Amino acid sequence: MSISISERAANRIHEIRREQNVSDETPLRVAVVSGGCSGLTYNLEFDPKEEIKEEDKAFEDHGIKVVVDMRSFLYLAGTRLDYTDGLTGQGFHFQNPNASRSCTCGESFSL
């Protein structure tokens, strides 16, 4: 299993890279951290060190290298990252098959 990225999310990630002058080689680090109203929340950031540690899982989709630490991967296996810009809210959304519950804002979840 891996983490996949929708075409819309990939396009937005490429736009953000151009806006912030971030190299296409810089991996997108995805993590799960404690917090939010459901207990766990998602974190996305470009890894400024451009390092992939031995214990990291690395994937590539739509030309974007995604890096996840092993602890986060246990929560994220099979997740799809999407992006919406409609009336119901703009931003990245995680379609996580492992989440048993998520808050109404979609930014946190629990297992």
Protein backbone atom coordinates (compact mmCIF):
# COMPACT_ATOMS: atom_id res chain seq x y z
CA MET A 1 0.00 0.00 0.00
CA SER A 2 1.04 3.54 -0.62
CA ILE A 3 -0.21 7.09 -0.40
CA SER A 4 -1.62 8.40 -3.67
CA ILE A 5 -2.27 11.91 -4.91
CA SER A 6 -5.18 12.98 -7.09
CA GLU A 7 -4.45 14.97 -10.22
CA ARG A 8 -6.07 18.09 -8.69
CA ALA A 9 -3.89 17.80 -5.57
CA ALA A 10 -0.78 17.26 -7.69
CA ASN A 11 -1.55 20.35 -9.77
CA ARG A 12 -2.00 22.45 -6.63
CA ILE A 13 1.23 21.11 -5.10
CA HIS A 14 3.11 22.05 -8.29
CA GLU A 15 1.55 25.56 -8.14
CA ILE A 16 2.58 26.00 -4.51
CA ARG A 17 6.12 24.89 -5.36
CA ARG A 18 6.34 27.54 -8.08
CA GLU A 19 4.89 30.23 -5.78
CA GLN A 20 7.35 29.39 -2.99
CA ASN A 21 10.35 28.66 -5.25
CA VAL A 22 10.58 25.08 -3.97
CA SER A 23 12.53 22.65 -6.13
CA ASP A 24 10.65 19.78 -7.81
CA GLU A 25 13.20 17.51 -6.11
CA THR A 26 12.10 18.55 -2.63
CA PRO A 27 9.90 15.81 -1.18
CA LEU A 28 6.47 16.44 0.29
CA ARG A 29 6.50 15.12 3.83
CA VAL A 30 3.16 13.82 5.11
CA ALA A 31 2.77 13.08 8.80
CA VAL A 32 0.21 12.34 11.47
CA VAL A 33 0.56 14.31 14.71
CA SER A 34 -1.43 14.47 17.92
CA GLY A 35 -4.05 17.18 17.98
CA GLY A 36 -7.34 18.32 16.57
CA CYS A 37 -10.78 17.62 17.95
CA SER A 38 -10.64 13.93 16.97
CA GLY A 39 -7.18 13.23 18.43
CA LEU A 40 -4.94 13.03 15.34
CA THR A 41 -4.30 15.55 12.61
CA TYR A 42 -2.52 15.59 9.26
CA ASN A 43 0.61 17.61 8.53
CA LEU A 44 1.91 18.49 5.05
CA GLU A 45 5.16 20.31 4.39
CA PHE A 46 7.98 20.40 1.92
CA ASP A 47 10.96 18.75 3.59
CA PRO A 48 13.53 21.56 3.55
CA LYS A 49 16.40 19.15 4.19
CA GLU A 50 15.39 17.06 1.16
CA GLU A 51 16.40 14.02 3.18
CA ILE A 52 14.79 10.65 3.15
CA LYS A 53 15.70 8.75 6.27
CA GLU A 54 16.24 5.01 6.22
CA GLU A 55 13.08 4.40 8.24
CA ASP A 56 10.91 6.60 5.95
CA LYS A 57 8.55 5.24 3.33
CA ALA A 58 8.84 7.02 -0.01
CA PHE A 59 6.36 7.06 -2.90
CA GLU A 60 5.99 8.99 -6.11
CA ASP A 61 2.75 9.97 -7.79
CA HIS A 62 2.17 12.57 -10.54
CA GLY A 63 5.84 13.54 -10.32
CA ILE A 64 5.65 14.31 -6.61
CA LYS A 65 7.86 12.44 -4.17
CA VAL A 66 5.93 11.75 -0.96
CA VAL A 67 7.84 10.85 2.20
CA VAL A 68 6.21 9.46 5.35
CA ASP A 69 7.79 8.40 8.63
CA MET A 70 6.97 4.80 9.59
CA ARG A 71 4.76 5.73 12.56
CA SER A 72 2.60 7.99 10.38
CA PHE A 73 2.51 5.43 7.59
CA LEU A 74 0.73 2.99 9.91
CA TYR A 75 -2.15 5.52 10.04
CA LEU A 76 -1.93 6.58 6.38
CA ALA A 77 -1.50 3.36 4.36
CA GLY A 78 -3.93 3.46 1.45
CA THR A 79 -4.75 7.16 1.87
CA ARG A 80 -5.46 9.40 -1.12
CA LEU A 81 -4.62 13.10 -0.97
CA ASP A 82 -7.11 15.25 -2.85
CA TYR A 83 -7.64 18.98 -3.34
CA THR A 84 -10.91 20.84 -3.68
CA ASP A 85 -11.64 24.47 -4.37
CA GLY A 86 -15.42 24.41 -4.34
CA LEU A 87 -18.03 26.14 -2.25
CA THR A 88 -17.79 23.58 0.55
CA GLY A 89 -14.19 24.47 1.29
CA GLN A 90 -10.87 24.95 -0.36
CA GLY A 91 -7.84 22.88 0.54
CA PHE A 92 -6.24 19.50 0.74
CA HIS A 93 -8.37 16.59 1.94
CA PHE A 94 -7.29 13.15 3.04
CA GLN A 95 -9.38 10.17 2.01
CA ASN A 96 -8.11 7.83 4.70
CA PRO A 97 -9.58 4.30 4.75
CA ASN A 98 -8.09 3.74 8.23
CA ALA A 99 -9.98 6.58 9.91
CA SER A 100 -12.99 5.42 11.87
CA ARG A 101 -14.09 8.96 12.70
CA SER A 102 -13.19 12.46 11.57
CA CYS A 103 -14.24 15.89 12.69
CA THR A 104 -16.61 17.98 10.60
CA CYS A 105 -13.80 20.21 9.33
CA GLY A 106 -11.94 17.14 8.05
CA GLU A 107 -8.64 18.17 9.57
CA SER A 108 -8.46 15.58 12.31
CA PHE A 109 -9.39 11.94 12.71
CA SER A 110 -9.25 8.94 14.99
CA LEU A 111 -8.84 5.22 14.47
